[in-house]
Structure formats: C-alpha cells, structure tokens
mmCIF file of all heavy atoms, coordinates in Angstrom:
data_MODEL
# 
_entry.id   MODEL 
# 
loop_
_atom_site.group_PDB 
_atom_site.id 
_atom_site.type_symbol 
_atom_site.label_atom_id 
_atom_site.label_alt_id 
_atom_site.label_comp_id 
_atom_site.label_asym_id 
_atom_site.label_entity_id 
_atom_site.label_seq_id 
_atom_site.pdbx_PDB_ins_code 
_atom_site.Cartn_x 
_atom_site.Cartn_y 
_atom_site.Cartn_z 
_atom_site.occupancy 
_atom_site.B_iso_or_equiv 
_atom_site.pdbx_formal_charge 
_atom_site.auth_seq_id 
_atom_site.auth_comp_id 
_atom_site.auth_asym_id 
_atom_site.auth_atom_id 
_atom_site.pdbx_PDB_model_num 
ATOM 1   N N   . GLU A 1 1  ? -1.271 -0.009 3.010  1.00 0.00 ? 1  GLU A N   1 
ATOM 2   C CA  . GLU A 1 1  ? -1.932 1.229  2.601  1.00 0.00 ? 1  GLU A CA  1 
ATOM 3   C C   . GLU A 1 1  ? -0.967 2.398  2.440  1.00 0.00 ? 1  GLU A C   1 
ATOM 4   O O   . GLU A 1 1  ? -1.373 3.468  1.999  1.00 0.00 ? 1  GLU A O   1 
ATOM 5   C CB  . GLU A 1 1  ? -3.030 1.591  3.607  1.00 0.00 ? 1  GLU A CB  1 
ATOM 6   C CG  . GLU A 1 1  ? -4.159 0.576  3.606  1.00 0.00 ? 1  GLU A CG  1 
ATOM 7   C CD  . GLU A 1 1  ? -5.212 0.846  4.655  1.00 0.00 ? 1  GLU A CD  1 
ATOM 8   O OE1 . GLU A 1 1  ? -4.907 0.682  5.851  1.00 0.00 ? 1  GLU A OE1 1 
ATOM 9   O OE2 . GLU A 1 1  ? -6.324 1.225  4.291  1.00 0.00 ? 1  GLU A OE2 1 
ATOM 10  N N   . GLY A 1 2  ? 0.309  2.209  2.778  1.00 0.00 ? 2  GLY A N   1 
ATOM 11  C CA  . GLY A 1 2  ? 1.307  3.230  2.480  1.00 0.00 ? 2  GLY A CA  1 
ATOM 12  C C   . GLY A 1 2  ? 1.737  4.082  3.650  1.00 0.00 ? 2  GLY A C   1 
ATOM 13  O O   . GLY A 1 2  ? 2.097  5.248  3.472  1.00 0.00 ? 2  GLY A O   1 
ATOM 14  N N   . LYS A 1 3  ? 1.767  3.529  4.854  1.00 0.00 ? 3  LYS A N   1 
ATOM 15  C CA  . LYS A 1 3  ? 2.169  4.321  6.030  1.00 0.00 ? 3  LYS A CA  1 
ATOM 16  C C   . LYS A 1 3  ? 3.639  4.719  5.955  1.00 0.00 ? 3  LYS A C   1 
ATOM 17  O O   . LYS A 1 3  ? 3.994  5.892  6.168  1.00 0.00 ? 3  LYS A O   1 
ATOM 18  C CB  . LYS A 1 3  ? 1.904  3.514  7.304  1.00 0.00 ? 3  LYS A CB  1 
ATOM 19  C CG  . LYS A 1 3  ? 0.440  3.189  7.531  1.00 0.00 ? 3  LYS A CG  1 
ATOM 20  C CD  . LYS A 1 3  ? 0.248  2.333  8.759  1.00 0.00 ? 3  LYS A CD  1 
ATOM 21  C CE  . LYS A 1 3  ? 0.847  0.966  8.586  1.00 0.00 ? 3  LYS A CE  1 
ATOM 22  N NZ  . LYS A 1 3  ? 0.217  0.191  7.501  1.00 0.00 ? 3  LYS A NZ  1 
ATOM 23  N N   . SER A 1 4  ? 4.504  3.772  5.681  1.00 0.00 ? 4  SER A N   1 
ATOM 24  C CA  . SER A 1 4  ? 5.932  4.059  5.615  1.00 0.00 ? 4  SER A CA  1 
ATOM 25  C C   . SER A 1 4  ? 6.250  4.980  4.441  1.00 0.00 ? 4  SER A C   1 
ATOM 26  O O   . SER A 1 4  ? 7.102  5.861  4.536  1.00 0.00 ? 4  SER A O   1 
ATOM 27  C CB  . SER A 1 4  ? 6.735  2.758  5.506  1.00 0.00 ? 4  SER A CB  1 
ATOM 28  O OG  . SER A 1 4  ? 6.506  1.941  6.636  1.00 0.00 ? 4  SER A OG  1 
ATOM 29  N N   . PHE A 1 5  ? 5.564  4.778  3.323  1.00 0.00 ? 5  PHE A N   1 
ATOM 30  C CA  . PHE A 1 5  ? 5.747  5.643  2.157  1.00 0.00 ? 5  PHE A CA  1 
ATOM 31  C C   . PHE A 1 5  ? 5.420  7.096  2.510  1.00 0.00 ? 5  PHE A C   1 
ATOM 32  O O   . PHE A 1 5  ? 6.167  8.018  2.176  1.00 0.00 ? 5  PHE A O   1 
ATOM 33  C CB  . PHE A 1 5  ? 4.857  5.153  1.029  1.00 0.00 ? 5  PHE A CB  1 
ATOM 34  C CG  . PHE A 1 5  ? 4.819  6.054  -0.169 1.00 0.00 ? 5  PHE A CG  1 
ATOM 35  C CD1 . PHE A 1 5  ? 5.803  5.981  -1.127 1.00 0.00 ? 5  PHE A CD1 1 
ATOM 36  C CD2 . PHE A 1 5  ? 3.798  6.979  -0.331 1.00 0.00 ? 5  PHE A CD2 1 
ATOM 37  C CE1 . PHE A 1 5  ? 5.780  6.816  -2.241 1.00 0.00 ? 5  PHE A CE1 1 
ATOM 38  C CE2 . PHE A 1 5  ? 3.770  7.814  -1.429 1.00 0.00 ? 5  PHE A CE2 1 
ATOM 39  C CZ  . PHE A 1 5  ? 4.757  7.729  -2.385 1.00 0.00 ? 5  PHE A CZ  1 
ATOM 40  N N   . LEU A 1 6  ? 4.292  7.306  3.173  1.00 0.00 ? 6  LEU A N   1 
ATOM 41  C CA  . LEU A 1 6  ? 3.906  8.661  3.557  1.00 0.00 ? 6  LEU A CA  1 
ATOM 42  C C   . LEU A 1 6  ? 4.859  9.232  4.589  1.00 0.00 ? 6  LEU A C   1 
ATOM 43  O O   . LEU A 1 6  ? 5.215  10.412 4.528  1.00 0.00 ? 6  LEU A O   1 
ATOM 44  C CB  . LEU A 1 6  ? 2.470  8.662  4.098  1.00 0.00 ? 6  LEU A CB  1 
ATOM 45  C CG  . LEU A 1 6  ? 1.952  10.028 4.552  1.00 0.00 ? 6  LEU A CG  1 
ATOM 46  C CD1 . LEU A 1 6  ? 1.910  11.000 3.378  1.00 0.00 ? 6  LEU A CD1 1 
ATOM 47  C CD2 . LEU A 1 6  ? 0.578  9.897  5.187  1.00 0.00 ? 6  LEU A CD2 1 
ATOM 48  N N   . SER A 1 7  ? 5.297  8.423  5.538  1.00 0.00 ? 7  SER A N   1 
ATOM 49  C CA  . SER A 1 7  ? 6.214  8.899  6.574  1.00 0.00 ? 7  SER A CA  1 
ATOM 50  C C   . SER A 1 7  ? 7.508  9.427  5.957  1.00 0.00 ? 7  SER A C   1 
ATOM 51  O O   . SER A 1 7  ? 7.975  10.526 6.294  1.00 0.00 ? 7  SER A O   1 
ATOM 52  C CB  . SER A 1 7  ? 6.527  7.769  7.563  1.00 0.00 ? 7  SER A CB  1 
ATOM 53  O OG  . SER A 1 7  ? 5.354  7.306  8.204  1.00 0.00 ? 7  SER A OG  1 
ATOM 54  N N   . ILE A 1 8  ? 8.074  8.669  5.034  1.00 0.00 ? 8  ILE A N   1 
ATOM 55  C CA  . ILE A 1 8  ? 9.341  9.071  4.415  1.00 0.00 ? 8  ILE A CA  1 
ATOM 56  C C   . ILE A 1 8  ? 9.175  10.342 3.597  1.00 0.00 ? 8  ILE A C   1 
ATOM 57  O O   . ILE A 1 8  ? 9.937  11.309 3.734  1.00 0.00 ? 8  ILE A O   1 
ATOM 58  C CB  . ILE A 1 8  ? 9.881  7.927  3.534  1.00 0.00 ? 8  ILE A CB  1 
ATOM 59  C CG1 . ILE A 1 8  ? 10.252 6.715  4.390  1.00 0.00 ? 8  ILE A CG1 1 
ATOM 60  C CG2 . ILE A 1 8  ? 11.081 8.381  2.725  1.00 0.00 ? 8  ILE A CG2 1 
ATOM 61  C CD1 . ILE A 1 8  ? 10.603 5.479  3.593  1.00 0.00 ? 8  ILE A CD1 1 
ATOM 62  N N   . ASN A 1 9  ? 8.156  10.383 2.760  1.00 0.00 ? 9  ASN A N   1 
ATOM 63  C CA  . ASN A 1 9  ? 8.016  11.498 1.829  1.00 0.00 ? 9  ASN A CA  1 
ATOM 64  C C   . ASN A 1 9  ? 7.474  12.757 2.492  1.00 0.00 ? 9  ASN A C   1 
ATOM 65  O O   . ASN A 1 9  ? 7.864  13.868 2.120  1.00 0.00 ? 9  ASN A O   1 
ATOM 66  C CB  . ASN A 1 9  ? 7.127  11.081 0.661  1.00 0.00 ? 9  ASN A CB  1 
ATOM 67  C CG  . ASN A 1 9  ? 7.815  10.104 -0.259 1.00 0.00 ? 9  ASN A CG  1 
ATOM 68  O OD1 . ASN A 1 9  ? 8.610  10.496 -1.098 1.00 0.00 ? 9  ASN A OD1 1 
ATOM 69  N ND2 . ASN A 1 9  ? 7.528  8.824  -0.102 1.00 0.00 ? 9  ASN A ND2 1 
ATOM 70  N N   . LEU A 1 10 ? 6.586  12.611 3.475  1.00 0.00 ? 10 LEU A N   1 
ATOM 71  C CA  . LEU A 1 10 ? 6.127  13.793 4.194  1.00 0.00 ? 10 LEU A CA  1 
ATOM 72  C C   . LEU A 1 10 ? 7.263  14.389 5.014  1.00 0.00 ? 10 LEU A C   1 
ATOM 73  O O   . LEU A 1 10 ? 7.416  15.616 5.098  1.00 0.00 ? 10 LEU A O   1 
ATOM 74  C CB  . LEU A 1 10 ? 4.942  13.426 5.099  1.00 0.00 ? 10 LEU A CB  1 
ATOM 75  C CG  . LEU A 1 10 ? 4.344  14.579 5.900  1.00 0.00 ? 10 LEU A CG  1 
ATOM 76  C CD1 . LEU A 1 10 ? 3.868  15.698 4.982  1.00 0.00 ? 10 LEU A CD1 1 
ATOM 77  C CD2 . LEU A 1 10 ? 3.195  14.081 6.775  1.00 0.00 ? 10 LEU A CD2 1 
ATOM 78  N N   . ALA A 1 11 ? 8.082  13.534 5.612  1.00 0.00 ? 11 ALA A N   1 
ATOM 79  C CA  . ALA A 1 11 ? 9.234  14.018 6.366  1.00 0.00 ? 11 ALA A CA  1 
ATOM 80  C C   . ALA A 1 11 ? 10.213 14.737 5.455  1.00 0.00 ? 11 ALA A C   1 
ATOM 81  O O   . ALA A 1 11 ? 10.748 15.809 5.798  1.00 0.00 ? 11 ALA A O   1 
ATOM 82  C CB  . ALA A 1 11 ? 9.919  12.852 7.063  1.00 0.00 ? 11 ALA A CB  1 
ATOM 83  N N   . ALA A 1 12 ? 10.456 14.181 4.254  1.00 0.00 ? 12 ALA A N   1 
ATOM 84  C CA  . ALA A 1 12 ? 11.355 14.828 3.298  1.00 0.00 ? 12 ALA A CA  1 
ATOM 85  C C   . ALA A 1 12 ? 10.799 16.175 2.858  1.00 0.00 ? 12 ALA A C   1 
ATOM 86  O O   . ALA A 1 12 ? 11.537 17.155 2.699  1.00 0.00 ? 12 ALA A O   1 
ATOM 87  C CB  . ALA A 1 12 ? 11.576 13.919 2.099  1.00 0.00 ? 12 ALA A CB  1 
ATOM 88  N N   . SER A 1 13 ? 9.484  16.248 2.678  1.00 0.00 ? 13 SER A N   1 
ATOM 89  C CA  . SER A 1 13 ? 8.859  17.504 2.271  1.00 0.00 ? 13 SER A CA  1 
ATOM 90  C C   . SER A 1 13 ? 8.990  18.563 3.364  1.00 0.00 ? 13 SER A C   1 
ATOM 91  O O   . SER A 1 13 ? 9.280  19.736 3.082  1.00 0.00 ? 13 SER A O   1 
ATOM 92  C CB  . SER A 1 13 ? 7.382  17.258 1.955  1.00 0.00 ? 13 SER A CB  1 
ATOM 93  O OG  . SER A 1 13 ? 6.726  18.451 1.608  1.00 0.00 ? 13 SER A OG  1 
ATOM 94  N N   . LEU A 1 14 ? 8.789  18.180 4.599  1.00 0.00 ? 14 LEU A N   1 
ATOM 95  C CA  . LEU A 1 14 ? 8.926  19.127 5.707  1.00 0.00 ? 14 LEU A CA  1 
ATOM 96  C C   . LEU A 1 14 ? 10.373 19.577 5.870  1.00 0.00 ? 14 LEU A C   1 
ATOM 97  O O   . LEU A 1 14 ? 10.653 20.741 6.184  1.00 0.00 ? 14 LEU A O   1 
ATOM 98  C CB  . LEU A 1 14 ? 8.418  18.484 6.997  1.00 0.00 ? 14 LEU A CB  1 
ATOM 99  C CG  . LEU A 1 14 ? 6.903  18.240 7.082  1.00 0.00 ? 14 LEU A CG  1 
ATOM 100 C CD1 . LEU A 1 14 ? 6.575  17.349 8.267  1.00 0.00 ? 14 LEU A CD1 1 
ATOM 101 C CD2 . LEU A 1 14 ? 6.152  19.561 7.188  1.00 0.00 ? 14 LEU A CD2 1 
ATOM 102 N N   . ALA A 1 15 ? 11.306 18.657 5.665  1.00 0.00 ? 15 ALA A N   1 
ATOM 103 C CA  . ALA A 1 15 ? 12.724 19.005 5.797  1.00 0.00 ? 15 ALA A CA  1 
ATOM 104 C C   . ALA A 1 15 ? 13.159 20.005 4.727  1.00 0.00 ? 15 ALA A C   1 
ATOM 105 O O   . ALA A 1 15 ? 14.083 20.791 4.945  1.00 0.00 ? 15 ALA A O   1 
ATOM 106 C CB  . ALA A 1 15 ? 13.581 17.746 5.729  1.00 0.00 ? 15 ALA A CB  1 
ATOM 107 N N   . ARG A 1 16 ? 12.492 20.010 3.574  1.00 0.00 ? 16 ARG A N   1 
ATOM 108 C CA  . ARG A 1 16 ? 12.849 20.929 2.494  1.00 0.00 ? 16 ARG A CA  1 
ATOM 109 C C   . ARG A 1 16 ? 12.531 22.380 2.832  1.00 0.00 ? 16 ARG A C   1 
ATOM 110 O O   . ARG A 1 16 ? 13.064 23.285 2.203  1.00 0.00 ? 16 ARG A O   1 
ATOM 111 C CB  . ARG A 1 16 ? 12.114 20.541 1.205  1.00 0.00 ? 16 ARG A CB  1 
ATOM 112 C CG  . ARG A 1 16 ? 12.522 19.202 0.629  1.00 0.00 ? 16 ARG A CG  1 
ATOM 113 C CD  . ARG A 1 16 ? 13.957 19.191 0.179  1.00 0.00 ? 16 ARG A CD  1 
ATOM 114 N NE  . ARG A 1 16 ? 14.366 17.858 -0.274 1.00 0.00 ? 16 ARG A NE  1 
ATOM 115 C CZ  . ARG A 1 16 ? 15.617 17.517 -0.514 1.00 0.00 ? 16 ARG A CZ  1 
ATOM 116 N NH1 . ARG A 1 16 ? 16.574 18.399 -0.337 1.00 0.00 ? 16 ARG A NH1 1 
ATOM 117 N NH2 . ARG A 1 16 ? 15.918 16.292 -0.902 1.00 0.00 ? 16 ARG A NH2 1 
ATOM 118 N N   . VAL A 1 17 ? 11.660 22.603 3.787  1.00 0.00 ? 17 VAL A N   1 
ATOM 119 C CA  . VAL A 1 17 ? 11.318 23.974 4.174  1.00 0.00 ? 17 VAL A CA  1 
ATOM 120 C C   . VAL A 1 17 ? 11.984 24.328 5.506  1.00 0.00 ? 17 VAL A C   1 
ATOM 121 O O   . VAL A 1 17 ? 11.434 25.084 6.316  1.00 0.00 ? 17 VAL A O   1 
ATOM 122 C CB  . VAL A 1 17 ? 9.790  24.153 4.252  1.00 0.00 ? 17 VAL A CB  1 
ATOM 123 C CG1 . VAL A 1 17 ? 9.176  24.075 2.875  1.00 0.00 ? 17 VAL A CG1 1 
ATOM 124 C CG2 . VAL A 1 17 ? 9.148  23.119 5.180  1.00 0.00 ? 17 VAL A CG2 1 
ATOM 125 N N   . GLU A 1 18 ? 13.165 23.756 5.729  1.00 0.00 ? 18 GLU A N   1 
ATOM 126 C CA  . GLU A 1 18 ? 14.005 24.088 6.883  1.00 0.00 ? 18 GLU A CA  1 
ATOM 127 C C   . GLU A 1 18 ? 13.362 23.726 8.221  1.00 0.00 ? 18 GLU A C   1 
ATOM 128 O O   . GLU A 1 18 ? 13.560 24.419 9.227  1.00 0.00 ? 18 GLU A O   1 
ATOM 129 C CB  . GLU A 1 18 ? 14.358 25.588 6.880  1.00 0.00 ? 18 GLU A CB  1 
ATOM 130 C CG  . GLU A 1 18 ? 15.051 26.062 5.612  1.00 0.00 ? 18 GLU A CG  1 
ATOM 131 C CD  . GLU A 1 18 ? 16.361 25.314 5.357  1.00 0.00 ? 18 GLU A CD  1 
ATOM 132 O OE1 . GLU A 1 18 ? 17.042 24.963 6.323  1.00 0.00 ? 18 GLU A OE1 1 
ATOM 133 O OE2 . GLU A 1 18 ? 16.685 25.092 4.155  1.00 0.00 ? 18 GLU A OE2 1 
ATOM 134 N N   . LYS A 1 19 ? 12.587 22.656 8.235  1.00 0.00 ? 19 LYS A N   1 
ATOM 135 C CA  . LYS A 1 19 ? 12.041 22.138 9.483  1.00 0.00 ? 19 LYS A CA  1 
ATOM 136 C C   . LYS A 1 19 ? 12.882 20.950 9.923  1.00 0.00 ? 19 LYS A C   1 
ATOM 137 O O   . LYS A 1 19 ? 13.264 20.110 9.099  1.00 0.00 ? 19 LYS A O   1 
ATOM 138 C CB  . LYS A 1 19 ? 10.580 21.704 9.311  1.00 0.00 ? 19 LYS A CB  1 
ATOM 139 C CG  . LYS A 1 19 ? 9.636  22.836 8.895  1.00 0.00 ? 19 LYS A CG  1 
ATOM 140 C CD  . LYS A 1 19 ? 9.457  23.845 10.007 1.00 0.00 ? 19 LYS A CD  1 
ATOM 141 C CE  . LYS A 1 19 ? 8.425  24.891 9.607  1.00 0.00 ? 19 LYS A CE  1 
ATOM 142 N NZ  . LYS A 1 19 ? 8.254  25.915 10.670 1.00 0.00 ? 19 LYS A NZ  1 
ATOM 143 N N   . LYS A 1 20 ? 13.176 20.899 11.209 1.00 0.00 ? 20 LYS A N   1 
ATOM 144 C CA  . LYS A 1 20 ? 13.903 19.747 11.744 1.00 0.00 ? 20 LYS A CA  1 
ATOM 145 C C   . LYS A 1 20 ? 12.904 18.623 11.977 1.00 0.00 ? 20 LYS A C   1 
ATOM 146 O O   . LYS A 1 20 ? 11.967 18.762 12.770 1.00 0.00 ? 20 LYS A O   1 
ATOM 147 C CB  . LYS A 1 20 ? 14.621 20.119 13.046 1.00 0.00 ? 20 LYS A CB  1 
ATOM 148 C CG  . LYS A 1 20 ? 15.720 21.153 12.879 1.00 0.00 ? 20 LYS A CG  1 
ATOM 149 C CD  . LYS A 1 20 ? 16.566 21.261 14.141 1.00 0.00 ? 20 LYS A CD  1 
ATOM 150 C CE  . LYS A 1 20 ? 17.304 19.956 14.404 1.00 0.00 ? 20 LYS A CE  1 
ATOM 151 N NZ  . LYS A 1 20 ? 18.201 20.061 15.587 1.00 0.00 ? 20 LYS A NZ  1 
ATOM 152 N N   . VAL A 1 21 ? 13.094 17.533 11.266 1.00 0.00 ? 21 VAL A N   1 
ATOM 153 C CA  . VAL A 1 21 ? 12.110 16.452 11.248 1.00 0.00 ? 21 VAL A CA  1 
ATOM 154 C C   . VAL A 1 21 ? 12.768 15.160 11.699 1.00 0.00 ? 21 VAL A C   1 
ATOM 155 O O   . VAL A 1 21 ? 13.918 14.871 11.352 1.00 0.00 ? 21 VAL A O   1 
ATOM 156 C CB  . VAL A 1 21 ? 11.509 16.267 9.836  1.00 0.00 ? 21 VAL A CB  1 
ATOM 157 C CG1 . VAL A 1 21 ? 10.381 15.246 9.862  1.00 0.00 ? 21 VAL A CG1 1 
ATOM 158 C CG2 . VAL A 1 21 ? 11.002 17.603 9.287  1.00 0.00 ? 21 VAL A CG2 1 
ATOM 159 N N   . LEU A 1 22 ? 12.004 14.386 12.451 1.00 0.00 ? 22 LEU A N   1 
ATOM 160 C CA  . LEU A 1 22 ? 12.462 13.076 12.920 1.00 0.00 ? 22 LEU A CA  1 
ATOM 161 C C   . LEU A 1 22 ? 11.411 12.032 12.568 1.00 0.00 ? 22 LEU A C   1 
ATOM 162 O O   . LEU A 1 22 ? 10.226 12.203 12.857 1.00 0.00 ? 22 LEU A O   1 
ATOM 163 C CB  . LEU A 1 22 ? 12.683 13.093 14.436 1.00 0.00 ? 22 LEU A CB  1 
ATOM 164 C CG  . LEU A 1 22 ? 13.023 11.741 15.077 1.00 0.00 ? 22 LEU A CG  1 
ATOM 165 C CD1 . LEU A 1 22 ? 14.392 11.257 14.621 1.00 0.00 ? 22 LEU A CD1 1 
ATOM 166 C CD2 . LEU A 1 22 ? 12.965 11.826 16.599 1.00 0.00 ? 22 LEU A CD2 1 
ATOM 167 N N   . ILE A 1 23 ? 11.864 10.949 11.920 1.00 0.00 ? 23 ILE A N   1 
ATOM 168 C CA  . ILE A 1 23 ? 10.992 9.806  11.655 1.00 0.00 ? 23 ILE A CA  1 
ATOM 169 C C   . ILE A 1 23 ? 11.284 8.732  12.703 1.00 0.00 ? 23 ILE A C   1 
ATOM 170 O O   . ILE A 1 23 ? 12.435 8.342  12.883 1.00 0.00 ? 23 ILE A O   1 
ATOM 171 C CB  . ILE A 1 23 ? 11.224 9.219  10.255 1.00 0.00 ? 23 ILE A CB  1 
ATOM 172 C CG1 . ILE A 1 23 ? 11.065 10.287 9.173  1.00 0.00 ? 23 ILE A CG1 1 
ATOM 173 C CG2 . ILE A 1 23 ? 10.260 8.074  9.986  1.00 0.00 ? 23 ILE A CG2 1 
ATOM 174 C CD1 . ILE A 1 23 ? 11.403 9.784  7.785  1.00 0.00 ? 23 ILE A CD1 1 
ATOM 175 N N   . MET A 1 24 ? 10.226 8.241  13.343 1.00 0.00 ? 24 MET A N   1 
ATOM 176 C CA  . MET A 1 24 ? 10.383 7.164  14.323 1.00 0.00 ? 24 MET A CA  1 
ATOM 177 C C   . MET A 1 24 ? 9.743  5.898  13.764 1.00 0.00 ? 24 MET A C   1 
ATOM 178 O O   . MET A 1 24 ? 8.531  5.849  13.534 1.00 0.00 ? 24 MET A O   1 
ATOM 179 C CB  . MET A 1 24 ? 9.753  7.550  15.656 1.00 0.00 ? 24 MET A CB  1 
ATOM 180 C CG  . MET A 1 24 ? 10.375 8.776  16.302 1.00 0.00 ? 24 MET A CG  1 
ATOM 181 S SD  . MET A 1 24 ? 9.791  9.059  17.990 1.00 0.00 ? 24 MET A SD  1 
ATOM 182 C CE  . MET A 1 24 ? 10.523 7.658  18.842 1.00 0.00 ? 24 MET A CE  1 
# 
C-alpha cells in the first residue's frame, strides 16, 4: 500500500523546510 514510499517522500518533504528528520 506504499508505506516505505510515503516514509521516504514525507521525510524528504519535511527536510526541505529545515526540519531535522529521521527515518527508522
């Protein structure tokens, strides 16, 4: 259903606005 896809792209989107993001 796209869990890993959402994790990668949502994390990238948050990182673009100067948020420190960690994917586990």
